[in-house]
Amino acid sequence: MNMNEFQTWVQEFYEKRGWTQYGPFIRVGFLMGEAGKIARRVKTGTKIILRKDQTII
């Protein structure tokens, strides 16, 4: 993935979640929450499932 592809992916990721209306500090908070979900799953050995809309179950 090159930088342009990454920027496009991030923009789509934010738009799907309605995050584009928030400032950068709030968005970082949302991303930290998503990272926390993954960290808990990794720590407990629980399977991580990523839906087609890229939400974590």
C-alpha atoms as a PDB file:
ATOM      1  CA  MET A   1       0.000   0.000   0.000  1.00  0.00           C
ATOM      2  CA  ASN A   2       1.467   3.347  -0.973  1.00  0.00           C
ATOM      3  CA  MET A   3       0.782   6.695   0.712  1.00  0.00           C
ATOM      4  CA  ASN A   4      -2.035   7.698  -1.679  1.00  0.00           C
ATOM      5  CA  GLU A   5      -3.797   4.363  -1.159  1.00  0.00           C
ATOM      6  CA  PHE A   6      -3.417   4.726   2.610  1.00  0.00           C
ATOM      7  CA  GLN A   7      -4.847   8.254   2.597  1.00  0.00           C
ATOM      8  CA  THR A   8      -7.810   7.063   0.527  1.00  0.00           C
ATOM      9  CA  TRP A   9      -8.355   4.140   2.899  1.00  0.00           C
ATOM     10  CA  VAL A  10      -8.257   6.408   5.969  1.00  0.00           C
ATOM     11  CA  GLN A  11     -10.719   8.854   4.389  1.00  0.00           C
ATOM     12  CA  GLU A  12     -13.154   6.029   3.561  1.00  0.00           C
ATOM     13  CA  PHE A  13     -12.685   4.518   7.039  1.00  0.00           C
ATOM     14  CA  TYR A  14     -13.595   7.839   8.702  1.00  0.00           C
ATOM     15  CA  GLU A  15     -16.532   8.497   6.360  1.00  0.00           C
ATOM     16  CA  LYS A  16     -18.070   5.051   6.980  1.00  0.00           C
ATOM     17  CA  ARG A  17     -18.072   5.738  10.708  1.00  0.00           C
ATOM     18  CA  GLY A  18     -19.181   9.373  10.474  1.00  0.00           C
ATOM     19  CA  TRP A  19     -15.908  10.540  12.021  1.00  0.00           C
ATOM     20  CA  THR A  20     -15.168  13.248   9.444  1.00  0.00           C
ATOM     21  CA  GLN A  21     -17.346  15.700  11.370  1.00  0.00           C
ATOM     22  CA  TYR A  22     -15.067  15.496  14.450  1.00  0.00           C
ATOM     23  CA  GLY A  23     -11.720  17.125  15.156  1.00  0.00           C
ATOM     24  CA  PRO A  24      -8.411  15.253  15.166  1.00  0.00           C
ATOM     25  CA  PHE A  25      -8.264  14.679  18.932  1.00  0.00           C
ATOM     26  CA  ILE A  26     -11.688  13.025  19.006  1.00  0.00           C
ATOM     27  CA  ARG A  27     -10.787  10.864  15.995  1.00  0.00           C
ATOM     28  CA  VAL A  28      -7.573   9.728  17.680  1.00  0.00           C
ATOM     29  CA  GLY A  29      -9.690   8.752  20.677  1.00  0.00           C
ATOM     30  CA  PHE A  30     -11.940   6.642  18.451  1.00  0.00           C
ATOM     31  CA  LEU A  31      -8.911   4.950  16.871  1.00  0.00           C
ATOM     32  CA  MET A  32      -7.458   4.235  20.318  1.00  0.00           C
ATOM     33  CA  GLY A  33     -10.740   2.581  21.250  1.00  0.00           C
ATOM     34  CA  GLU A  34     -10.528   0.354  18.171  1.00  0.00           C
ATOM     35  CA  ALA A  35      -6.907  -0.503  19.003  1.00  0.00           C
ATOM     36  CA  GLY A  36      -8.011  -1.339  22.546  1.00  0.00           C
ATOM     37  CA  LYS A  37     -10.575  -3.819  21.226  1.00  0.00           C
ATOM     38  CA  ILE A  38      -7.871  -5.562  19.225  1.00  0.00           C
ATOM     39  CA  ALA A  39      -5.438  -5.526  22.169  1.00  0.00           C
ATOM     40  CA  ARG A  40      -8.007  -7.173  24.456  1.00  0.00           C
ATOM     41  CA  ARG A  41      -8.653  -9.885  21.873  1.00  0.00           C
ATOM     42  CA  VAL A  42      -4.940 -10.556  21.361  1.00  0.00           C
ATOM     43  CA  LYS A  43      -4.293 -10.610  25.118  1.00  0.00           C
ATOM     44  CA  THR A  44      -7.073 -13.132  25.796  1.00  0.00           C
ATOM     45  CA  GLY A  45      -6.450 -15.185  22.660  1.00  0.00           C
ATOM     46  CA  THR A  46      -9.955 -14.491  21.339  1.00  0.00           C
ATOM     47  CA  LYS A  47     -10.434 -14.653  17.586  1.00  0.00           C
ATOM     48  CA  ILE A  48     -10.586 -11.268  15.856  1.00  0.00           C
ATOM     49  CA  ILE A  49     -13.316 -11.045  13.229  1.00  0.00           C
ATOM     50  CA  LEU A  50     -13.340  -8.156  10.785  1.00  0.00           C
ATOM     51  CA  ARG A  51     -16.673  -7.572   9.050  1.00  0.00           C
ATOM     52  CA  LYS A  52     -16.957  -6.478   5.430  1.00  0.00           C
ATOM     53  CA  ASP A  53     -17.572  -2.921   6.653  1.00  0.00           C
ATOM     54  CA  GLN A  54     -14.270  -3.205   8.582  1.00  0.00           C
ATOM     55  CA  THR A  55     -15.832  -3.200  12.036  1.00  0.00           C
ATOM     56  CA  ILE A  56     -14.343  -5.504  14.638  1.00  0.00           C
ATOM     57  CA  ILE A  57     -16.557  -8.094  16.296  1.00  0.00           C
END
